Amino acid sequence: MPKPGDRHITQSADGSTTIWVPGLDEHYHSIHGALTESRHVFIEAGLKAIFKSSVRILEVGLGTALNARLTLDQAQQDGLNVQYDALEKFPLRAEEIEAVGLQGMSREAPFLSATPGAVTQITEHFTYRLLVEDLKTFEGKQDSYDLIYFDAFAPSAQPDLWTDNVFENMYNLLKTGGALVTYCAKGAVKRSMKTVGFEVEALPGPPRKREMTRAWKR
């Protein structure tokens, strides 16, 4: 299994937990509010925009599993059936899972500690798979997802995850009518999305970000 670099647990501005990766000089979530950003980008602009009672989701970049836990909460509130796949090349180690649990993220533990590749029944209506794979070589079934949470590190830190080829793969993984949501609103990223066929829209961003991006497969 690939080895992650050093990671340091820290708090964001709204009091919620995030992780800083010194080697990339990147945080897993916004330092201006991890919880606030996740709700805004992935739940409000993502999950709530897919008007289906059964939703299949692919998350790119599980991180602390905050997005997965918030999705479970919203699914229970709205009575949704969810199949959730999370791609994470460098999952948290056991001691890191324990540490973030002590920082108030104990409800994320079932997602973080799941057996890679196995289907985990989180609740009667929520199934989950942790896929320890590289996005660039991920070969999922085409036309299989309703929604993609694209929560990779920023293009400045990992430009190889924000290319035309990657977005073409994401486009093909989505069902017609499906959407990809991301915190990133860079012009080059939106142009790549459009190049591969996405219908792109700019939405108001979370705190300290003017915009975010939602891209549809029509």
C-alpha atoms as a PDB file:
ATOM      1  CA  MET A   1       0.000   0.000   0.000  1.00  0.00           C
ATOM      2  CA  PRO A   2       1.357   3.491  -0.798  1.00  0.00           C
ATOM      3  CA  LYS A   3       2.726   5.536   2.087  1.00  0.00           C
ATOM      4  CA  PRO A   4       1.319   8.982   2.883  1.00  0.00           C
ATOM      5  CA  GLY A   5       3.513  11.823   3.929  1.00  0.00           C
ATOM      6  CA  ASP A   6       3.321  13.605   7.268  1.00  0.00           C
ATOM      7  CA  ARG A   7      -0.151  14.828   8.216  1.00  0.00           C
ATOM      8  CA  HIS A   8      -1.169  17.111  11.065  1.00  0.00           C
ATOM      9  CA  ILE A   9      -4.647  17.420  12.570  1.00  0.00           C
ATOM     10  CA  THR A  10      -5.781  21.008  12.973  1.00  0.00           C
ATOM     11  CA  GLN A  11      -8.958  23.054  13.411  1.00  0.00           C
ATOM     12  CA  SER A  12     -10.669  25.221  10.835  1.00  0.00           C
ATOM     13  CA  ALA A  13     -12.345  28.573  11.473  1.00  0.00           C
ATOM     14  CA  ASP A  14     -15.786  27.098  12.282  1.00  0.00           C
ATOM     15  CA  GLY A  15     -14.263  24.795  14.917  1.00  0.00           C
ATOM     16  CA  SER A  16     -14.421  21.646  12.781  1.00  0.00           C
ATOM     17  CA  THR A  17     -11.438  19.400  12.185  1.00  0.00           C
ATOM     18  CA  THR A  18      -9.240  19.274   9.110  1.00  0.00           C
ATOM     19  CA  ILE A  19      -5.781  17.895   8.296  1.00  0.00           C
ATOM     20  CA  TRP A  20      -2.746  19.736   6.959  1.00  0.00           C
ATOM     21  CA  VAL A  21      -0.312  17.977   4.610  1.00  0.00           C
ATOM     22  CA  PRO A  22       3.025  19.855   4.809  1.00  0.00           C
ATOM     23  CA  GLY A  23       4.470  18.139   1.739  1.00  0.00           C
ATOM     24  CA  LEU A  24       1.732  19.663  -0.401  1.00  0.00           C
ATOM     25  CA  ASP A  25       1.078  22.707   1.816  1.00  0.00           C
ATOM     26  CA  GLU A  26      -2.603  21.784   1.521  1.00  0.00           C
ATOM     27  CA  HIS A  27      -5.464  21.139   3.943  1.00  0.00           C
ATOM     28  CA  TYR A  28      -8.045  18.386   3.472  1.00  0.00           C
ATOM     29  CA  HIS A  29     -10.803  20.964   3.888  1.00  0.00           C
ATOM     30  CA  SER A  30     -11.059  24.728   3.916  1.00  0.00           C
ATOM     31  CA  ILE A  31      -9.304  26.354   6.864  1.00  0.00           C
ATOM     32  CA  HIS A  32     -12.127  28.932   6.742  1.00  0.00           C
ATOM     33  CA  GLY A  33     -14.618  26.264   7.825  1.00  0.00           C
ATOM     34  CA  ALA A  34     -14.324  22.578   6.960  1.00  0.00           C
ATOM     35  CA  LEU A  35     -17.873  21.681   7.951  1.00  0.00           C
ATOM     36  CA  THR A  36     -19.324  24.804   6.353  1.00  0.00           C
ATOM     37  CA  GLU A  37     -17.518  24.177   3.060  1.00  0.00           C
ATOM     38  CA  SER A  38     -18.515  20.521   2.857  1.00  0.00           C
ATOM     39  CA  ARG A  39     -22.174  21.258   3.488  1.00  0.00           C
ATOM     40  CA  HIS A  40     -22.187  24.102   0.982  1.00  0.00           C
ATOM     41  CA  VAL A  41     -20.347  22.405  -1.882  1.00  0.00           C
ATOM     42  CA  PHE A  42     -21.242  18.738  -1.620  1.00  0.00           C
ATOM     43  CA  ILE A  43     -24.599  18.609   0.172  1.00  0.00           C
ATOM     44  CA  GLU A  44     -26.397  21.815  -0.824  1.00  0.00           C
ATOM     45  CA  ALA A  45     -25.014  22.120  -4.373  1.00  0.00           C
ATOM     46  CA  GLY A  46     -24.544  18.384  -4.943  1.00  0.00           C
ATOM     47  CA  LEU A  47     -26.768  15.885  -3.162  1.00  0.00           C
ATOM     48  CA  LYS A  48     -29.765  18.209  -2.904  1.00  0.00           C
ATOM     49  CA  ALA A  49     -29.574  18.962  -6.648  1.00  0.00           C
ATOM     50  CA  ILE A  50     -30.051  15.298  -7.590  1.00  0.00           C
ATOM     51  CA  PHE A  51     -33.780  14.740  -7.377  1.00  0.00           C
ATOM     52  CA  LYS A  52     -33.777  10.971  -7.004  1.00  0.00           C
ATOM     53  CA  SER A  53     -34.733   8.675  -4.138  1.00  0.00           C
ATOM     54  CA  SER A  54     -31.824   6.334  -4.885  1.00  0.00           C
ATOM     55  CA  VAL A  55     -28.442   7.936  -5.529  1.00  0.00           C
ATOM     56  CA  ARG A  56     -25.077   6.435  -6.401  1.00  0.00           C
ATOM     57  CA  ILE A  57     -22.157   8.671  -5.416  1.00  0.00           C
ATOM     58  CA  LEU A  58     -18.440   8.619  -6.155  1.00  0.00           C
ATOM     59  CA  GLU A  59     -16.227  10.724  -3.903  1.00  0.00           C
ATOM     60  CA  VAL A  60     -12.743  11.587  -5.138  1.00  0.00           C
ATOM     61  CA  GLY A  61     -10.651  12.187  -2.029  1.00  0.00           C
ATOM     62  CA  LEU A  62     -12.238  10.698   1.118  1.00  0.00           C
ATOM     63  CA  GLY A  63      -9.894  12.574   3.469  1.00  0.00           C
ATOM     64  CA  THR A  64     -11.474  12.673   6.936  1.00  0.00           C
ATOM     65  CA  ALA A  65     -14.772  11.197   5.626  1.00  0.00           C
ATOM     66  CA  LEU A  66     -16.619  14.404   6.525  1.00  0.00           C
ATOM     67  CA  ASN A  67     -18.441  14.467   3.174  1.00  0.00           C
ATOM     68  CA  ALA A  68     -19.497  10.841   3.569  1.00  0.00           C
ATOM     69  CA  ARG A  69     -20.844  11.402   7.081  1.00  0.00           C
ATOM     70  CA  LEU A  70     -22.748  14.542   6.033  1.00  0.00           C
ATOM     71  CA  THR A  71     -24.211  12.605   3.106  1.00  0.00           C
ATOM     72  CA  LEU A  72     -25.392   9.875   5.479  1.00  0.00           C
ATOM     73  CA  ASP A  73     -27.034  12.500   7.713  1.00  0.00           C
ATOM     74  CA  GLN A  74     -28.817  14.125   4.762  1.00  0.00           C
ATOM     75  CA  ALA A  75     -29.857  10.772   3.301  1.00  0.00           C
ATOM     76  CA  GLN A  76     -31.438   9.754   6.599  1.00  0.00           C
ATOM     77  CA  GLN A  77     -33.197  13.105   6.846  1.00  0.00           C
ATOM     78  CA  ASP A  78     -34.584  12.871   3.296  1.00  0.00           C
ATOM     79  CA  GLY A  79     -35.239   9.114   3.199  1.00  0.00           C
ATOM     80  CA  LEU A  80     -32.727   8.423   0.419  1.00  0.00           C
ATOM     81  CA  ASN A  81     -31.110   5.156  -0.600  1.00  0.00           C
ATOM     82  CA  VAL A  82     -27.398   5.767  -1.199  1.00  0.00           C
ATOM     83  CA  GLN A  83     -24.584   3.690  -2.646  1.00  0.00           C
ATOM     84  CA  TYR A  84     -21.359   5.526  -1.843  1.00  0.00           C
ATOM     85  CA  ASP A  85     -17.916   4.759  -3.296  1.00  0.00           C
ATOM     86  CA  ALA A  86     -14.916   6.713  -1.998  1.00  0.00           C
ATOM     87  CA  LEU A  87     -11.562   6.865  -3.792  1.00  0.00           C
ATOM     88  CA  GLU A  88      -8.683   7.500  -1.417  1.00  0.00           C
ATOM     89  CA  LYS A  89      -5.120   6.630  -2.387  1.00  0.00           C
ATOM     90  CA  PHE A  90      -3.776   7.413   1.103  1.00  0.00           C
ATOM     91  CA  PRO A  91      -6.428   6.477   3.715  1.00  0.00           C
ATOM     92  CA  LEU A  92      -5.880   7.563   7.291  1.00  0.00           C
ATOM     93  CA  ARG A  93      -3.898   5.217   9.497  1.00  0.00           C
ATOM     94  CA  ALA A  94      -5.464   3.672  12.618  1.00  0.00           C
ATOM     95  CA  GLU A  95      -3.771   6.163  14.952  1.00  0.00           C
ATOM     96  CA  GLU A  96      -4.974   9.069  12.791  1.00  0.00           C
ATOM     97  CA  ILE A  97      -8.543   7.746  12.818  1.00  0.00           C
ATOM     98  CA  GLU A  98      -8.364   7.581  16.610  1.00  0.00           C
ATOM     99  CA  ALA A  99      -6.931  11.099  16.782  1.00  0.00           C
ATOM    100  CA  VAL A 100      -9.614  12.713  14.604  1.00  0.00           C
ATOM    101  CA  GLY A 101     -12.221  10.826  16.627  1.00  0.00           C
ATOM    102  CA  LEU A 102     -10.928  12.536  19.752  1.00  0.00           C
ATOM    103  CA  GLN A 103     -11.369  15.859  17.913  1.00  0.00           C
ATOM    104  CA  GLY A 104     -15.102  15.256  17.509  1.00  0.00           C
ATOM    105  CA  MET A 105     -15.135  13.127  14.349  1.00  0.00           C
ATOM    106  CA  SER A 106     -15.983   9.728  15.849  1.00  0.00           C
ATOM    107  CA  ARG A 107     -19.005   9.321  13.543  1.00  0.00           C
ATOM    108  CA  GLU A 108     -16.651   9.264  10.569  1.00  0.00           C
ATOM    109  CA  ALA A 109     -14.831   6.171  11.887  1.00  0.00           C
ATOM    110  CA  PRO A 110     -16.984   3.531  10.073  1.00  0.00           C
ATOM    111  CA  PHE A 111     -16.070   5.143   6.750  1.00  0.00           C
ATOM    112  CA  LEU A 112     -12.390   5.602   7.550  1.00  0.00           C
ATOM    113  CA  SER A 113     -11.815   2.122   8.949  1.00  0.00           C
ATOM    114  CA  ALA A 114     -13.826   0.131   6.376  1.00  0.00           C
ATOM    115  CA  THR A 115     -12.111  -2.818   4.713  1.00  0.00           C
ATOM    116  CA  PRO A 116     -10.888  -1.586   1.307  1.00  0.00           C
ATOM    117  CA  GLY A 117     -12.922  -2.973  -1.569  1.00  0.00           C
ATOM    118  CA  ALA A 118     -15.607  -4.527   0.621  1.00  0.00           C
ATOM    119  CA  VAL A 119     -19.202  -3.346   0.617  1.00  0.00           C
ATOM    120  CA  THR A 120     -19.999  -2.021   4.093  1.00  0.00           C
ATOM    121  CA  GLN A 121     -23.628  -1.681   5.173  1.00  0.00           C
ATOM    122  CA  ILE A 122     -23.557   1.560   7.172  1.00  0.00           C
ATOM    123  CA  THR A 123     -27.359   1.558   7.590  1.00  0.00           C
ATOM    124  CA  GLU A 124     -30.209  -0.303   5.945  1.00  0.00           C
ATOM    125  CA  HIS A 125     -30.324   2.363   3.225  1.00  0.00           C
ATOM    126  CA  PHE A 126     -26.659   3.374   2.947  1.00  0.00           C
ATOM    127  CA  THR A 127     -23.930   1.139   1.508  1.00  0.00           C
ATOM    128  CA  TYR A 128     -20.293   2.166   1.262  1.00  0.00           C
ATOM    129  CA  ARG A 129     -17.026   1.071  -0.379  1.00  0.00           C
ATOM    130  CA  LEU A 130     -13.556   2.420   0.311  1.00  0.00           C
ATOM    131  CA  LEU A 131     -11.431   2.102  -2.830  1.00  0.00           C
ATOM    132  CA  VAL A 132      -7.704   2.531  -2.213  1.00  0.00           C
ATOM    133  CA  GLU A 133      -6.912   3.465  -5.800  1.00  0.00           C
ATOM    134  CA  ASP A 134      -5.334   6.220  -7.857  1.00  0.00           C
ATOM    135  CA  LEU A 135      -7.898   8.382  -9.625  1.00  0.00           C
ATOM    136  CA  LYS A 136      -5.775   8.463 -12.764  1.00  0.00           C
ATOM    137  CA  THR A 137      -6.008   4.682 -13.173  1.00  0.00           C
ATOM    138  CA  PHE A 138      -9.479   4.124 -11.715  1.00  0.00           C
ATOM    139  CA  GLU A 139     -11.639   2.082 -14.072  1.00  0.00           C
ATOM    140  CA  GLY A 140     -15.201   2.213 -12.838  1.00  0.00           C
ATOM    141  CA  LYS A 141     -18.266   1.163 -14.765  1.00  0.00           C
ATOM    142  CA  GLN A 142     -19.388   3.806 -17.247  1.00  0.00           C
ATOM    143  CA  ASP A 143     -22.769   5.499 -16.800  1.00  0.00           C
ATOM    144  CA  SER A 144     -22.992   4.266 -13.218  1.00  0.00           C
ATOM    145  CA  TYR A 145     -22.928   7.314 -10.904  1.00  0.00           C
ATOM    146  CA  ASP A 146     -25.519  10.012 -10.307  1.00  0.00           C
ATOM    147  CA  LEU A 147     -23.130  12.357  -8.521  1.00  0.00           C
ATOM    148  CA  ILE A 148     -19.381  12.864  -8.151  1.00  0.00           C
ATOM    149  CA  TYR A 149     -17.867  14.765  -5.241  1.00  0.00           C
ATOM    150  CA  PHE A 150     -14.587  15.995  -6.723  1.00  0.00           C
ATOM    151  CA  ASP A 151     -12.653  16.841  -3.566  1.00  0.00           C
ATOM    152  CA  ALA A 152      -9.070  16.315  -4.733  1.00  0.00           C
ATOM    153  CA  PHE A 153      -6.283  18.628  -3.584  1.00  0.00           C
ATOM    154  CA  ALA A 154      -6.091  21.921  -5.482  1.00  0.00           C
ATOM    155  CA  PRO A 155      -4.716  22.067  -9.044  1.00  0.00           C
ATOM    156  CA  SER A 156      -1.661  23.940  -7.782  1.00  0.00           C
ATOM    157  CA  ALA A 157      -0.776  20.991  -5.516  1.00  0.00           C
ATOM    158  CA  GLN A 158      -1.785  18.061  -7.753  1.00  0.00           C
ATOM    159  CA  PRO A 159      -2.210  19.305 -11.336  1.00  0.00           C
ATOM    160  CA  ASP A 160      -2.255  15.732 -12.682  1.00  0.00           C
ATOM    161  CA  LEU A 161      -5.696  15.209 -11.120  1.00  0.00           C
ATOM    162  CA  TRP A 162      -7.271  18.157 -12.973  1.00  0.00           C
ATOM    163  CA  THR A 163      -6.603  17.244 -16.610  1.00  0.00           C
ATOM    164  CA  ASP A 164      -8.820  16.690 -19.643  1.00  0.00           C
ATOM    165  CA  ASN A 165      -8.198  12.944 -19.372  1.00  0.00           C
ATOM    166  CA  VAL A 166      -9.344  12.802 -15.754  1.00  0.00           C
ATOM    167  CA  PHE A 167     -12.469  14.829 -16.448  1.00  0.00           C
ATOM    168  CA  GLU A 168     -13.265  12.704 -19.476  1.00  0.00           C
ATOM    169  CA  ASN A 169     -13.146   9.636 -17.224  1.00  0.00           C
ATOM    170  CA  MET A 170     -15.411  11.343 -14.695  1.00  0.00           C
ATOM    171  CA  TYR A 171     -17.814  12.341 -17.460  1.00  0.00           C
ATOM    172  CA  ASN A 172     -18.007   8.757 -18.675  1.00  0.00           C
ATOM    173  CA  LEU A 173     -18.607   7.442 -15.165  1.00  0.00           C
ATOM    174  CA  LEU A 174     -21.675   9.643 -14.743  1.00  0.00           C
ATOM    175  CA  LYS A 175     -25.161   8.724 -15.853  1.00  0.00           C
ATOM    176  CA  THR A 176     -26.902  11.142 -18.194  1.00  0.00           C
ATOM    177  CA  GLY A 177     -28.395  13.793 -15.943  1.00  0.00           C
ATOM    178  CA  GLY A 178     -25.654  13.291 -13.364  1.00  0.00           C
ATOM    179  CA  ALA A 179     -23.451  16.009 -11.907  1.00  0.00           C
ATOM    180  CA  LEU A 180     -19.936  16.656 -10.621  1.00  0.00           C
ATOM    181  CA  VAL A 181     -19.419  19.236  -7.883  1.00  0.00           C
ATOM    182  CA  THR A 182     -16.156  20.765  -6.694  1.00  0.00           C
ATOM    183  CA  TYR A 183     -14.973  23.690  -4.598  1.00  0.00           C
ATOM    184  CA  CYS A 184     -12.611  24.707  -7.432  1.00  0.00           C
ATOM    185  CA  ALA A 185     -13.641  27.464  -9.843  1.00  0.00           C
ATOM    186  CA  LYS A 186     -10.448  28.071 -11.818  1.00  0.00           C
ATOM    187  CA  GLY A 187     -10.971  28.991 -15.459  1.00  0.00           C
ATOM    188  CA  ALA A 188      -8.628  26.273 -16.728  1.00  0.00           C
ATOM    189  CA  VAL A 189     -10.568  23.624 -14.792  1.00  0.00           C
ATOM    190  CA  LYS A 190     -13.907  24.784 -16.181  1.00  0.00           C
ATOM    191  CA  ARG A 191     -12.464  24.830 -19.697  1.00  0.00           C
ATOM    192  CA  SER A 192     -11.287  21.221 -19.276  1.00  0.00           C
ATOM    193  CA  MET A 193     -14.752  20.223 -18.127  1.00  0.00           C
ATOM    194  CA  LYS A 194     -16.369  21.885 -21.118  1.00  0.00           C
ATOM    195  CA  THR A 195     -13.858  20.293 -23.485  1.00  0.00           C
ATOM    196  CA  VAL A 196     -14.978  16.778 -22.499  1.00  0.00           C
ATOM    197  CA  GLY A 197     -18.688  17.585 -22.731  1.00  0.00           C
ATOM    198  CA  PHE A 198     -19.791  18.891 -19.351  1.00  0.00           C
ATOM    199  CA  GLU A 199     -22.341  21.679 -19.082  1.00  0.00           C
ATOM    200  CA  VAL A 200     -20.640  23.903 -16.511  1.00  0.00           C
ATOM    201  CA  GLU A 201     -22.189  26.382 -14.115  1.00  0.00           C
ATOM    202  CA  ALA A 202     -20.572  28.695 -11.579  1.00  0.00           C
ATOM    203  CA  LEU A 203     -22.306  28.872  -8.203  1.00  0.00           C
ATOM    204  CA  PRO A 204     -21.659  31.041  -5.158  1.00  0.00           C
ATOM    205  CA  GLY A 205     -18.805  29.574  -3.162  1.00  0.00           C
ATOM    206  CA  PRO A 206     -18.406  28.756   0.529  1.00  0.00           C
ATOM    207  CA  PRO A 207     -16.852  31.306   2.936  1.00  0.00           C
ATOM    208  CA  ARG A 208     -13.851  33.156   1.480  1.00  0.00           C
ATOM    209  CA  LYS A 209     -14.442  31.703  -1.993  1.00  0.00           C
ATOM    210  CA  ARG A 210     -16.359  33.722  -4.572  1.00  0.00           C
ATOM    211  CA  GLU A 211     -17.413  30.723  -6.666  1.00  0.00           C
ATOM    212  CA  MET A 212     -17.583  26.942  -6.842  1.00  0.00           C
ATOM    213  CA  THR A 213     -18.369  24.710  -9.826  1.00  0.00           C
ATOM    214  CA  ARG A 214     -21.131  22.280 -10.735  1.00  0.00           C
ATOM    215  CA  ALA A 215     -20.867  20.366 -14.024  1.00  0.00           C
ATOM    216  CA  TRP A 216     -23.695  18.343 -15.592  1.00  0.00           C
ATOM    217  CA  LYS A 217     -23.717  15.456 -18.030  1.00  0.00           C
ATOM    218  CA  ARG A 218     -26.762  16.236 -20.173  1.00  0.00           C
END
